[in-house]
């Protein structure tokens, strides 16, 4: 699987930085992506971190698969997990398969404009 993230975006007040920019792993391996925001994405009225992960495959729009930092969207395999708090978040994909290849994005949702 080859997975990529786009490294640095700054459209609004919160800057989001992802690493690594490119990753190549073998089937069965574990892949980890990091997402760091310049400010906390904690949303106190709901006691949640507004941080989402998207996967975009070639020729397709981005697809949400984790929201509120660690909640899997319906249909997302348990191999995908999100963790973190404050400004530091991690996407972990265990037992990688070929179909996991694509571009992975994190996006903060606590301030507008949304940044990824």
PDB file of N, CA and C in Angstrom:
ATOM      1  N   UNK A   1       0.838  -1.174   0.000  1.00  0.00           N
ATOM      2  CA  UNK A   1       0.000   0.000   0.000  1.00  0.00           C
ATOM      3  C   UNK A   1       0.882   1.234   0.000  1.00  0.00           C
ATOM      4  N   UNK A   2       0.534   2.165  -0.798  1.00  0.00           N
ATOM      5  CA  UNK A   2       1.188   3.462  -0.733  1.00  0.00           C
ATOM      6  C   UNK A   2       0.163   4.444  -0.222  1.00  0.00           C
ATOM      7  N   UNK A   3       0.500   5.176   0.790  1.00  0.00           N
ATOM      8  CA  UNK A   3      -0.410   6.167   1.342  1.00  0.00           C
ATOM      9  C   UNK A   3       0.292   7.500   1.390  1.00  0.00           C
ATOM     10  N   UNK A   4      -0.450   8.539   1.150  1.00  0.00           N
ATOM     11  CA  UNK A   4       0.140   9.863   1.158  1.00  0.00           C
ATOM     12  C   UNK A   4      -0.730  10.802   1.976  1.00  0.00           C
ATOM     13  N   UNK A   5      -0.082  11.804   2.518  1.00  0.00           N
ATOM     14  CA  UNK A   5      -0.804  12.903   3.122  1.00  0.00           C
ATOM     15  C   UNK A   5      -0.227  14.171   2.532  1.00  0.00           C
ATOM     16  N   UNK A   6      -1.036  15.191   2.494  1.00  0.00           N
ATOM     17  CA  UNK A   6      -0.521  16.457   2.022  1.00  0.00           C
ATOM     18  C   UNK A   6      -0.048  17.201   3.254  1.00  0.00           C
ATOM     19  N   UNK A   7       1.173  17.672   3.237  1.00  0.00           N
ATOM     20  CA  UNK A   7       1.875  18.017   4.443  1.00  0.00           C
ATOM     21  C   UNK A   7       1.437  19.203   5.259  1.00  0.00           C
ATOM     22  N   UNK A   8       0.962  20.294   4.671  1.00  0.00           N
ATOM     23  CA  UNK A   8       0.763  21.483   5.481  1.00  0.00           C
ATOM     24  C   UNK A   8      -0.291  22.366   4.822  1.00  0.00           C
ATOM     25  N   UNK A   9      -1.324  22.731   5.584  1.00  0.00           N
ATOM     26  CA  UNK A   9      -2.353  23.623   5.076  1.00  0.00           C
ATOM     27  C   UNK A   9      -2.532  24.759   6.059  1.00  0.00           C
ATOM     28  N   UNK A  10      -2.813  25.946   5.569  1.00  0.00           N
ATOM     29  CA  UNK A  10      -3.075  27.070   6.461  1.00  0.00           C
ATOM     30  C   UNK A  10      -4.035  28.027   5.776  1.00  0.00           C
ATOM     31  N   UNK A  11      -5.332  27.752   5.861  1.00  0.00           N
ATOM     32  CA  UNK A  11      -6.321  28.605   5.229  1.00  0.00           C
ATOM     33  C   UNK A  11      -7.016  29.510   6.244  1.00  0.00           C
ATOM     34  N   UNK A  12      -7.002  29.140   7.526  1.00  0.00           N
ATOM     35  CA  UNK A  12      -7.707  29.914   8.528  1.00  0.00           C
ATOM     36  C   UNK A  12      -6.841  30.106   9.745  1.00  0.00           C
ATOM     37  N   UNK A  13      -7.480  30.222  10.880  1.00  0.00           N
ATOM     38  CA  UNK A  13      -6.767  30.446  12.125  1.00  0.00           C
ATOM     39  C   UNK A  13      -5.951  29.227  12.555  1.00  0.00           C
ATOM     40  N   UNK A  14      -6.457  28.033  12.278  1.00  0.00           N
ATOM     41  CA  UNK A  14      -5.777  26.819  12.717  1.00  0.00           C
ATOM     42  C   UNK A  14      -5.012  26.200  11.557  1.00  0.00           C
ATOM     43  N   UNK A  15      -3.739  25.950  11.780  1.00  0.00           N
ATOM     44  CA  UNK A  15      -2.895  25.279  10.799  1.00  0.00           C
ATOM     45  C   UNK A  15      -2.811  23.796  11.164  1.00  0.00           C
ATOM     46  N   UNK A  16      -2.967  22.936  10.170  1.00  0.00           N
ATOM     47  CA  UNK A  16      -2.896  21.490  10.369  1.00  0.00           C
ATOM     48  C   UNK A  16      -1.711  20.949   9.576  1.00  0.00           C
ATOM     49  N   UNK A  17      -0.863  20.180  10.246  1.00  0.00           N
ATOM     50  CA  UNK A  17       0.318  19.597   9.612  1.00  0.00           C
ATOM     51  C   UNK A  17       0.287  18.083   9.767  1.00  0.00           C
ATOM     52  N   UNK A  18       0.468  17.384   8.669  1.00  0.00           N
ATOM     53  CA  UNK A  18       0.445  15.923   8.676  1.00  0.00           C
ATOM     54  C   UNK A  18       1.810  15.351   8.326  1.00  0.00           C
ATOM     55  N   UNK A  19       2.156  14.244   8.960  1.00  0.00           N
ATOM     56  CA  UNK A  19       3.383  13.512   8.637  1.00  0.00           C
ATOM     57  C   UNK A  19       3.108  12.018   8.758  1.00  0.00           C
ATOM     58  N   UNK A  20       3.828  11.175   8.007  1.00  0.00           N
ATOM     59  CA  UNK A  20       4.763  11.569   6.947  1.00  0.00           C
ATOM     60  C   UNK A  20       3.998  11.990   5.703  1.00  0.00           C
ATOM     61  N   UNK A  21       4.695  12.603   4.772  1.00  0.00           N
ATOM     62  CA  UNK A  21       4.035  13.013   3.536  1.00  0.00           C
ATOM     63  C   UNK A  21       3.796  11.834   2.610  1.00  0.00           C
ATOM     64  N   UNK A  22       4.605  10.804   2.749  1.00  0.00           N
ATOM     65  CA  UNK A  22       4.444   9.613   1.917  1.00  0.00           C
ATOM     66  C   UNK A  22       4.848   8.399   2.738  1.00  0.00           C
ATOM     67  N   UNK A  23       4.112   7.317   2.550  1.00  0.00           N
ATOM     68  CA  UNK A  23       4.424   6.085   3.265  1.00  0.00           C
ATOM     69  C   UNK A  23       4.182   4.901   2.348  1.00  0.00           C
ATOM     70  N   UNK A  24       5.070   3.959   2.381  1.00  0.00           N
ATOM     71  CA  UNK A  24       4.906   2.718   1.642  1.00  0.00           C
ATOM     72  C   UNK A  24       5.062   1.566   2.620  1.00  0.00           C
ATOM     73  N   UNK A  25       4.030   0.731   2.712  1.00  0.00           N
ATOM     74  CA  UNK A  25       4.066  -0.405   3.634  1.00  0.00           C
ATOM     75  C   UNK A  25       3.634  -1.661   2.886  1.00  0.00           C
ATOM     76  N   UNK A  26       3.930  -2.801   3.466  1.00  0.00           N
ATOM     77  CA  UNK A  26       3.556  -4.087   2.882  1.00  0.00           C
ATOM     78  C   UNK A  26       2.252  -4.580   3.496  1.00  0.00           C
ATOM     79  N   UNK A  27       1.509  -5.406   2.765  1.00  0.00           N
ATOM     80  CA  UNK A  27       0.292  -5.982   3.336  1.00  0.00           C
ATOM     81  C   UNK A  27       0.585  -6.664   4.667  1.00  0.00           C
ATOM     82  N   UNK A  28      -0.282  -6.420   5.626  1.00  0.00           N
ATOM     83  CA  UNK A  28      -0.116  -6.990   6.952  1.00  0.00           C
ATOM     84  C   UNK A  28       0.584  -6.068   7.932  1.00  0.00           C
ATOM     85  N   UNK A  29       1.258  -5.042   7.417  1.00  0.00           N
ATOM     86  CA  UNK A  29       1.958  -4.089   8.282  1.00  0.00           C
ATOM     87  C   UNK A  29       0.977  -3.149   8.974  1.00  0.00           C
ATOM     88  N   UNK A  30       1.509  -2.333   9.876  1.00  0.00           N
ATOM     89  CA  UNK A  30       0.755  -1.268  10.524  1.00  0.00           C
ATOM     90  C   UNK A  30       1.251   0.072  10.001  1.00  0.00           C
ATOM     91  N   UNK A  31       0.320   0.946   9.646  1.00  0.00           N
ATOM     92  CA  UNK A  31       0.661   2.291   9.172  1.00  0.00           C
ATOM     93  C   UNK A  31       0.157   3.316  10.183  1.00  0.00           C
ATOM     94  N   UNK A  32       0.965   4.348  10.430  1.00  0.00           N
ATOM     95  CA  UNK A  32       0.574   5.411  11.352  1.00  0.00           C
ATOM     96  C   UNK A  32       0.827   6.769  10.707  1.00  0.00           C
ATOM     97  N   UNK A  33      -0.197   7.620  10.769  1.00  0.00           N
ATOM     98  CA  UNK A  33      -0.090   8.984  10.281  1.00  0.00           C
ATOM     99  C   UNK A  33      -0.313   9.931  11.453  1.00  0.00           C
ATOM    100  N   UNK A  34       0.433  11.016  11.474  1.00  0.00           N
ATOM    101  CA  UNK A  34       0.321  12.014  12.532  1.00  0.00           C
ATOM    102  C   UNK A  34      -0.334  13.276  11.991  1.00  0.00           C
ATOM    103  N   UNK A  35      -1.144  13.897  12.833  1.00  0.00           N
ATOM    104  CA  UNK A  35      -1.792  15.167  12.492  1.00  0.00           C
ATOM    105  C   UNK A  35      -1.628  16.108  13.676  1.00  0.00           C
ATOM    106  N   UNK A  36      -1.017  17.251  13.435  1.00  0.00           N
ATOM    107  CA  UNK A  36      -0.811  18.227  14.499  1.00  0.00           C
ATOM    108  C   UNK A  36      -1.471  19.545  14.106  1.00  0.00           C
ATOM    109  N   UNK A  37      -2.235  20.104  15.030  1.00  0.00           N
ATOM    110  CA  UNK A  37      -2.885  21.386  14.775  1.00  0.00           C
ATOM    111  C   UNK A  37      -2.203  22.478  15.593  1.00  0.00           C
ATOM    112  N   UNK A  38      -2.269  23.693  15.086  1.00  0.00           N
ATOM    113  CA  UNK A  38      -1.591  24.806  15.752  1.00  0.00           C
ATOM    114  C   UNK A  38      -2.314  25.262  17.012  1.00  0.00           C
ATOM    115  N   UNK A  39      -3.579  24.893  17.140  1.00  0.00           N
ATOM    116  CA  UNK A  39      -4.368  25.194  18.335  1.00  0.00           C
ATOM    117  C   UNK A  39      -5.215  23.966  18.663  1.00  0.00           C
ATOM    118  N   UNK A  40      -5.670  23.876  19.884  1.00  0.00           N
ATOM    119  CA  UNK A  40      -6.518  22.756  20.278  1.00  0.00           C
ATOM    120  C   UNK A  40      -7.792  22.734  19.446  1.00  0.00           C
ATOM    121  N   UNK A  41      -8.230  21.536  19.082  1.00  0.00           N
ATOM    122  CA  UNK A  41      -9.471  21.381  18.333  1.00  0.00           C
ATOM    123  C   UNK A  41     -10.576  20.845  19.252  1.00  0.00           C
ATOM    124  N   UNK A  42     -10.424  21.086  20.547  1.00  0.00           N
ATOM    125  CA  UNK A  42     -11.427  20.673  21.530  1.00  0.00           C
ATOM    126  C   UNK A  42     -12.631  21.595  21.443  1.00  0.00           C
ATOM    127  N   UNK A  43     -13.824  20.998  21.389  1.00  0.00           N
ATOM    128  CA  UNK A  43     -15.073  21.745  21.324  1.00  0.00           C
ATOM    129  C   UNK A  43     -15.824  21.509  22.627  1.00  0.00           C
ATOM    130  N   UNK A  44     -15.716  22.449  23.549  1.00  0.00           N
ATOM    131  CA  UNK A  44     -16.230  22.239  24.903  1.00  0.00           C
ATOM    132  C   UNK A  44     -17.737  22.016  25.007  1.00  0.00           C
ATOM    133  N   UNK A  45     -18.576  22.662  24.174  1.00  0.00           N
ATOM    134  CA  UNK A  45     -20.012  22.394  24.321  1.00  0.00           C
ATOM    135  C   UNK A  45     -20.390  20.915  24.151  1.00  0.00           C
ATOM    136  N   UNK A  46     -19.609  20.178  23.386  1.00  0.00           N
ATOM    137  CA  UNK A  46     -19.897  18.757  23.187  1.00  0.00           C
ATOM    138  C   UNK A  46     -18.842  17.851  23.814  1.00  0.00           C
ATOM    139  N   UNK A  47     -17.848  18.439  24.449  1.00  0.00           N
ATOM    140  CA  UNK A  47     -16.749  17.680  25.078  1.00  0.00           C
ATOM    141  C   UNK A  47     -16.107  16.704  24.093  1.00  0.00           C
ATOM    142  N   UNK A  48     -15.812  17.206  22.892  1.00  0.00           N
ATOM    143  CA  UNK A  48     -15.233  16.387  21.828  1.00  0.00           C
ATOM    144  C   UNK A  48     -14.096  17.131  21.146  1.00  0.00           C
ATOM    145  N   UNK A  49     -13.241  16.362  20.518  1.00  0.00           N
ATOM    146  CA  UNK A  49     -12.211  16.934  19.651  1.00  0.00           C
ATOM    147  C   UNK A  49     -12.727  16.872  18.221  1.00  0.00           C
ATOM    148  N   UNK A  50     -12.838  18.030  17.571  1.00  0.00           N
ATOM    149  CA  UNK A  50     -13.339  18.081  16.212  1.00  0.00           C
ATOM    150  C   UNK A  50     -12.194  17.859  15.224  1.00  0.00           C
ATOM    151  N   UNK A  51     -11.838  16.600  15.077  1.00  0.00           N
ATOM    152  CA  UNK A  51     -10.761  16.225  14.164  1.00  0.00           C
ATOM    153  C   UNK A  51     -11.247  15.015  13.380  1.00  0.00           C
ATOM    154  N   UNK A  52     -11.228  15.136  12.065  1.00  0.00           N
ATOM    155  CA  UNK A  52     -11.718  14.055  11.196  1.00  0.00           C
ATOM    156  C   UNK A  52     -10.614  13.583  10.268  1.00  0.00           C
ATOM    157  N   UNK A  53     -10.739  12.323   9.849  1.00  0.00           N
ATOM    158  CA  UNK A  53      -9.817  11.736   8.871  1.00  0.00           C
ATOM    159  C   UNK A  53     -10.599  11.331   7.630  1.00  0.00           C
ATOM    160  N   UNK A  54      -9.997  11.617   6.462  1.00  0.00           N
ATOM    161  CA  UNK A  54     -10.600  11.289   5.173  1.00  0.00           C
ATOM    162  C   UNK A  54      -9.615  10.460   4.355  1.00  0.00           C
ATOM    163  N   UNK A  55     -10.167   9.605   3.511  1.00  0.00           N
ATOM    164  CA  UNK A  55      -9.371   8.857   2.541  1.00  0.00           C
ATOM    165  C   UNK A  55      -9.863   9.225   1.158  1.00  0.00           C
ATOM    166  N   UNK A  56      -8.919   9.594   0.293  1.00  0.00           N
ATOM    167  CA  UNK A  56      -9.260   9.889  -1.097  1.00  0.00           C
ATOM    168  C   UNK A  56      -8.501   8.939  -2.007  1.00  0.00           C
ATOM    169  N   UNK A  57      -9.274   8.232  -2.816  1.00  0.00           N
ATOM    170  CA  UNK A  57      -8.675   7.341  -3.815  1.00  0.00           C
ATOM    171  C   UNK A  57      -8.699   8.045  -5.169  1.00  0.00           C
ATOM    172  N   UNK A  58      -7.793   7.678  -6.072  1.00  0.00           N
ATOM    173  CA  UNK A  58      -7.717   8.354  -7.367  1.00  0.00           C
ATOM    174  C   UNK A  58      -9.081   8.380  -8.071  1.00  0.00           C
ATOM    175  N   UNK A  59      -9.445   9.569  -8.560  1.00  0.00           N
ATOM    176  CA  UNK A  59     -10.686   9.728  -9.302  1.00  0.00           C
ATOM    177  C   UNK A  59     -11.940   9.768  -8.446  1.00  0.00           C
ATOM    178  N   UNK A  60     -11.793   9.773  -7.118  1.00  0.00           N
ATOM    179  CA  UNK A  60     -12.948   9.791  -6.220  1.00  0.00           C
ATOM    180  C   UNK A  60     -12.834  10.958  -5.249  1.00  0.00           C
ATOM    181  N   UNK A  61     -13.984  11.420  -4.724  1.00  0.00           N
ATOM    182  CA  UNK A  61     -13.926  12.483  -3.714  1.00  0.00           C
ATOM    183  C   UNK A  61     -13.434  11.920  -2.382  1.00  0.00           C
ATOM    184  N   UNK A  62     -12.956  12.775  -1.492  1.00  0.00           N
ATOM    185  CA  UNK A  62     -12.547  12.297  -0.166  1.00  0.00           C
ATOM    186  C   UNK A  62     -13.732  11.659   0.569  1.00  0.00           C
ATOM    187  N   UNK A  63     -13.459  10.611   1.324  1.00  0.00           N
ATOM    188  CA  UNK A  63     -14.491   9.902   2.066  1.00  0.00           C
ATOM    189  C   UNK A  63     -14.166   9.946   3.558  1.00  0.00           C
ATOM    190  N   UNK A  64     -15.107  10.456   4.344  1.00  0.00           N
ATOM    191  CA  UNK A  64     -14.941  10.518   5.786  1.00  0.00           C
ATOM    192  C   UNK A  64     -14.937   9.104   6.353  1.00  0.00           C
ATOM    193  N   UNK A  65     -13.957   8.796   7.229  1.00  0.00           N
ATOM    194  CA  UNK A  65     -13.992   7.481   7.857  1.00  0.00           C
ATOM    195  C   UNK A  65     -13.759   7.518   9.366  1.00  0.00           C
ATOM    196  N   UNK A  66     -13.250   8.640   9.886  1.00  0.00           N
ATOM    197  CA  UNK A  66     -13.165   8.819  11.341  1.00  0.00           C
ATOM    198  C   UNK A  66     -13.533  10.270  11.647  1.00  0.00           C
ATOM    199  N   UNK A  67     -14.389  10.465  12.658  1.00  0.00           N
ATOM    200  CA  UNK A  67     -14.749  11.812  13.078  1.00  0.00           C
ATOM    201  C   UNK A  67     -14.647  11.914  14.595  1.00  0.00           C
ATOM    202  N   UNK A  68     -14.678  13.157  15.093  1.00  0.00           N
ATOM    203  CA  UNK A  68     -14.526  13.411  16.534  1.00  0.00           C
ATOM    204  C   UNK A  68     -13.293  12.693  17.086  1.00  0.00           C
ATOM    205  N   UNK A  69     -12.240  12.679  16.295  1.00  0.00           N
ATOM    206  CA  UNK A  69     -10.913  12.148  16.632  1.00  0.00           C
ATOM    207  C   UNK A  69     -10.807  10.632  16.660  1.00  0.00           C
ATOM    208  N   UNK A  70     -11.858   9.940  17.116  1.00  0.00           N
ATOM    209  CA  UNK A  70     -11.717   8.486  17.287  1.00  0.00           C
ATOM    210  C   UNK A  70     -12.966   7.667  17.010  1.00  0.00           C
ATOM    211  N   UNK A  71     -13.975   8.269  16.412  1.00  0.00           N
ATOM    212  CA  UNK A  71     -15.212   7.542  16.133  1.00  0.00           C
ATOM    213  C   UNK A  71     -15.237   7.128  14.670  1.00  0.00           C
ATOM    214  N   UNK A  72     -15.369   5.817  14.432  1.00  0.00           N
ATOM    215  CA  UNK A  72     -15.395   5.312  13.065  1.00  0.00           C
ATOM    216  C   UNK A  72     -16.757   5.562  12.421  1.00  0.00           C
ATOM    217  N   UNK A  73     -16.712   6.085  11.200  1.00  0.00           N
ATOM    218  CA  UNK A  73     -17.923   6.216  10.399  1.00  0.00           C
ATOM    219  C   UNK A  73     -18.467   4.818  10.109  1.00  0.00           C
ATOM    220  N   UNK A  74     -19.766   4.705   9.978  1.00  0.00           N
ATOM    221  CA  UNK A  74     -20.390   3.424   9.677  1.00  0.00           C
ATOM    222  C   UNK A  74     -19.734   2.794   8.455  1.00  0.00           C
ATOM    223  N   UNK A  75     -19.386   1.522   8.558  1.00  0.00           N
ATOM    224  CA  UNK A  75     -18.757   0.805   7.459  1.00  0.00           C
ATOM    225  C   UNK A  75     -17.244   0.843   7.473  1.00  0.00           C
ATOM    226  N   UNK A  76     -16.653   1.624   8.368  1.00  0.00           N
ATOM    227  CA  UNK A  76     -15.192   1.689   8.469  1.00  0.00           C
ATOM    228  C   UNK A  76     -14.687   0.477   9.245  1.00  0.00           C
ATOM    229  N   UNK A  77     -13.761  -0.282   8.668  1.00  0.00           N
ATOM    230  CA  UNK A  77     -13.244  -1.468   9.360  1.00  0.00           C
ATOM    231  C   UNK A  77     -12.572  -1.114  10.689  1.00  0.00           C
ATOM    232  N   UNK A  78     -12.609  -2.034  11.625  1.00  0.00           N
ATOM    233  CA  UNK A  78     -11.983  -1.831  12.929  1.00  0.00           C
ATOM    234  C   UNK A  78     -10.473  -1.716  12.834  1.00  0.00           C
ATOM    235  N   UNK A  79      -9.905  -2.077  11.689  1.00  0.00           N
ATOM    236  CA  UNK A  79      -8.462  -1.931  11.491  1.00  0.00           C
ATOM    237  C   UNK A  79      -8.040  -0.469  11.524  1.00  0.00           C
ATOM    238  N   UNK A  80      -8.993   0.448  11.304  1.00  0.00           N
ATOM    239  CA  UNK A  80      -8.729   1.876  11.302  1.00  0.00           C
ATOM    240  C   UNK A  80      -9.096   2.450  12.669  1.00  0.00           C
ATOM    241  N   UNK A  81      -8.152   3.151  13.265  1.00  0.00           N
ATOM    242  CA  UNK A  81      -8.459   3.773  14.552  1.00  0.00           C
ATOM    243  C   UNK A  81      -7.813   5.144  14.646  1.00  0.00           C
ATOM    244  N   UNK A  82      -8.511   6.047  15.310  1.00  0.00           N
ATOM    245  CA  UNK A  82      -8.005   7.386  15.549  1.00  0.00           C
ATOM    246  C   UNK A  82      -7.781   7.582  17.035  1.00  0.00           C
ATOM    247  N   UNK A  83      -6.768   8.361  17.365  1.00  0.00           N
ATOM    248  CA  UNK A  83      -6.477   8.643  18.761  1.00  0.00           C
ATOM    249  C   UNK A  83      -5.870  10.027  18.872  1.00  0.00           C
ATOM    250  N   UNK A  84      -5.752  10.498  20.104  1.00  0.00           N
ATOM    251  CA  UNK A  84      -5.101  11.774  20.342  1.00  0.00           C
ATOM    252  C   UNK A  84      -5.997  12.745  21.076  1.00  0.00           C
ATOM    253  N   UNK A  85      -5.414  13.882  21.414  1.00  0.00           N
ATOM    254  CA  UNK A  85      -6.149  14.933  22.110  1.00  0.00           C
ATOM    255  C   UNK A  85      -5.380  16.237  21.971  1.00  0.00           C
ATOM    256  N   UNK A  86      -6.041  17.325  22.336  1.00  0.00           N
ATOM    257  CA  UNK A  86      -5.386  18.632  22.276  1.00  0.00           C
ATOM    258  C   UNK A  86      -5.036  19.049  20.873  1.00  0.00           C
ATOM    259  N   UNK A  87      -3.763  18.924  20.537  1.00  0.00           N
ATOM    260  CA  UNK A  87      -3.284  19.315  19.203  1.00  0.00           C
ATOM    261  C   UNK A  87      -2.627  18.176  18.445  1.00  0.00           C
ATOM    262  N   UNK A  88      -2.475  17.013  19.091  1.00  0.00           N
ATOM    263  CA  UNK A  88      -1.744  15.890  18.475  1.00  0.00           C
ATOM    264  C   UNK A  88      -2.650  14.676  18.295  1.00  0.00           C
ATOM    265  N   UNK A  89      -2.767  14.221  17.051  1.00  0.00           N
ATOM    266  CA  UNK A  89      -3.661  13.109  16.728  1.00  0.00           C
ATOM    267  C   UNK A  89      -2.954  12.103  15.840  1.00  0.00           C
ATOM    268  N   UNK A  90      -3.416  10.867  15.910  1.00  0.00           N
ATOM    269  CA  UNK A  90      -2.800   9.791  15.144  1.00  0.00           C
ATOM    270  C   UNK A  90      -3.868   8.931  14.494  1.00  0.00           C
ATOM    271  N   UNK A  91      -3.624   8.571  13.242  1.00  0.00           N
ATOM    272  CA  UNK A  91      -4.419   7.571  12.542  1.00  0.00           C
ATOM    273  C   UNK A  91      -3.580   6.308  12.468  1.00  0.00           C
ATOM    274  N   UNK A  92      -4.141   5.190  12.915  1.00  0.00           N
ATOM    275  CA  UNK A  92      -3.447   3.906  12.859  1.00  0.00           C
ATOM    276  C   UNK A  92      -4.257   2.943  12.008  1.00  0.00           C
ATOM    277  N   UNK A  93      -3.580   2.297  11.072  1.00  0.00           N
ATOM    278  CA  UNK A  93      -4.210   1.272  10.234  1.00  0.00           C
ATOM    279  C   UNK A  93      -3.444  -0.013  10.470  1.00  0.00           C
ATOM    280  N   UNK A  94      -4.099  -0.998  11.066  1.00  0.00           N
ATOM    281  CA  UNK A  94      -3.448  -2.282  11.313  1.00  0.00           C
ATOM    282  C   UNK A  94      -3.776  -3.252  10.190  1.00  0.00           C
ATOM    283  N   UNK A  95      -2.941  -4.257  10.038  1.00  0.00           N
ATOM    284  CA  UNK A  95      -3.149  -5.299   9.039  1.00  0.00           C
ATOM    285  C   UNK A  95      -3.513  -4.685   7.674  1.00  0.00           C
ATOM    286  N   UNK A  96      -2.642  -3.811   7.205  1.00  0.00           N
ATOM    287  CA  UNK A  96      -2.864  -3.090   5.953  1.00  0.00           C
ATOM    288  C   UNK A  96      -3.127  -4.052   4.803  1.00  0.00           C
ATOM    289  N   UNK A  97      -4.073  -3.668   3.938  1.00  0.00           N
ATOM    290  CA  UNK A  97      -4.357  -4.405   2.713  1.00  0.00           C
ATOM    291  C   UNK A  97      -4.164  -3.464   1.521  1.00  0.00           C
ATOM    292  N   UNK A  98      -4.054  -4.035   0.335  1.00  0.00           N
ATOM    293  CA  UNK A  98      -3.818  -3.229  -0.880  1.00  0.00           C
ATOM    294  C   UNK A  98      -4.877  -2.137  -1.064  1.00  0.00           C
ATOM    295  N   UNK A  99      -6.119  -2.442  -0.713  1.00  0.00           N
ATOM    296  CA  UNK A  99      -7.220  -1.502  -0.929  1.00  0.00           C
ATOM    297  C   UNK A  99      -7.128  -0.271  -0.029  1.00  0.00           C
ATOM    298  N   UNK A 100      -6.225  -0.271   0.930  1.00  0.00           N
ATOM    299  CA  UNK A 100      -6.062   0.888   1.812  1.00  0.00           C
ATOM    300  C   UNK A 100      -5.274   2.015   1.144  1.00  0.00           C
ATOM    301  N   UNK A 101      -4.722   1.763  -0.027  1.00  0.00           N
ATOM    302  CA  UNK A 101      -3.903   2.774  -0.703  1.00  0.00           C
ATOM    303  C   UNK A 101      -4.728   4.005  -1.036  1.00  0.00           C
ATOM    304  N   UNK A 102      -4.129   5.172  -0.871  1.00  0.00           N
ATOM    305  CA  UNK A 102      -4.796   6.416  -1.211  1.00  0.00           C
ATOM    306  C   UNK A 102      -4.164   7.585  -0.478  1.00  0.00           C
ATOM    307  N   UNK A 103      -4.848   8.721  -0.536  1.00  0.00           N
ATOM    308  CA  UNK A 103      -4.404   9.933   0.130  1.00  0.00           C
ATOM    309  C   UNK A 103      -5.212  10.102   1.407  1.00  0.00           C
ATOM    310  N   UNK A 104      -4.527  10.273   2.528  1.00  0.00           N
ATOM    311  CA  UNK A 104      -5.169  10.415   3.828  1.00  0.00           C
ATOM    312  C   UNK A 104      -5.051  11.865   4.297  1.00  0.00           C
ATOM    313  N   UNK A 105      -6.182  12.423   4.724  1.00  0.00           N
ATOM    314  CA  UNK A 105      -6.218  13.805   5.174  1.00  0.00           C
ATOM    315  C   UNK A 105      -6.840  13.889   6.557  1.00  0.00           C
ATOM    316  N   UNK A 106      -6.304  14.763   7.396  1.00  0.00           N
ATOM    317  CA  UNK A 106      -7.020  15.112   8.620  1.00  0.00           C
ATOM    318  C   UNK A 106      -7.579  16.517   8.443  1.00  0.00           C
ATOM    319  N   UNK A 107      -8.659  16.798   9.131  1.00  0.00           N
ATOM    320  CA  UNK A 107      -9.303  18.109   9.025  1.00  0.00           C
ATOM    321  C   UNK A 107      -9.828  18.529  10.392  1.00  0.00           C
ATOM    322  N   UNK A 108      -9.531  19.743  10.771  1.00  0.00           N
ATOM    323  CA  UNK A 108     -10.095  20.263  12.013  1.00  0.00           C
ATOM    324  C   UNK A 108     -11.464  20.868  11.706  1.00  0.00           C
ATOM    325  N   UNK A 109     -12.363  20.790  12.667  1.00  0.00           N
ATOM    326  CA  UNK A 109     -13.710  21.314  12.445  1.00  0.00           C
ATOM    327  C   UNK A 109     -14.188  22.224  13.542  1.00  0.00           C
ATOM    328  N   UNK A 110     -13.258  22.742  14.340  1.00  0.00           N
ATOM    329  CA  UNK A 110     -13.667  23.559  15.475  1.00  0.00           C
ATOM    330  C   UNK A 110     -13.719  25.048  15.140  1.00  0.00           C
ATOM    331  N   UNK A 111     -13.012  25.466  14.096  1.00  0.00           N
ATOM    332  CA  UNK A 111     -13.012  26.858  13.675  1.00  0.00           C
ATOM    333  C   UNK A 111     -13.230  26.952  12.173  1.00  0.00           C
ATOM    334  N   UNK A 112     -13.928  28.005  11.759  1.00  0.00           N
ATOM    335  CA  UNK A 112     -14.100  28.254  10.339  1.00  0.00           C
ATOM    336  C   UNK A 112     -13.132  29.347   9.895  1.00  0.00           C
ATOM    337  N   UNK A 113     -12.581  29.253   8.686  1.00  0.00           N
ATOM    338  CA  UNK A 113     -12.833  28.161   7.745  1.00  0.00           C
ATOM    339  C   UNK A 113     -12.165  26.869   8.203  1.00  0.00           C
ATOM    340  N   UNK A 114     -12.780  25.747   7.818  1.00  0.00           N
ATOM    341  CA  UNK A 114     -12.214  24.444   8.138  1.00  0.00           C
ATOM    342  C   UNK A 114     -10.867  24.313   7.439  1.00  0.00           C
ATOM    343  N   UNK A 115      -9.910  23.685   8.103  1.00  0.00           N
ATOM    344  CA  UNK A 115      -8.593  23.498   7.491  1.00  0.00           C
ATOM    345  C   UNK A 115      -8.217  22.041   7.543  1.00  0.00           C
ATOM    346  N   UNK A 116      -7.457  21.632   6.531  1.00  0.00           N
ATOM    347  CA  UNK A 116      -6.994  20.245   6.467  1.00  0.00           C
ATOM    348  C   UNK A 116      -5.536  20.219   6.096  1.00  0.00           C
TER     349      UNK A 116
END
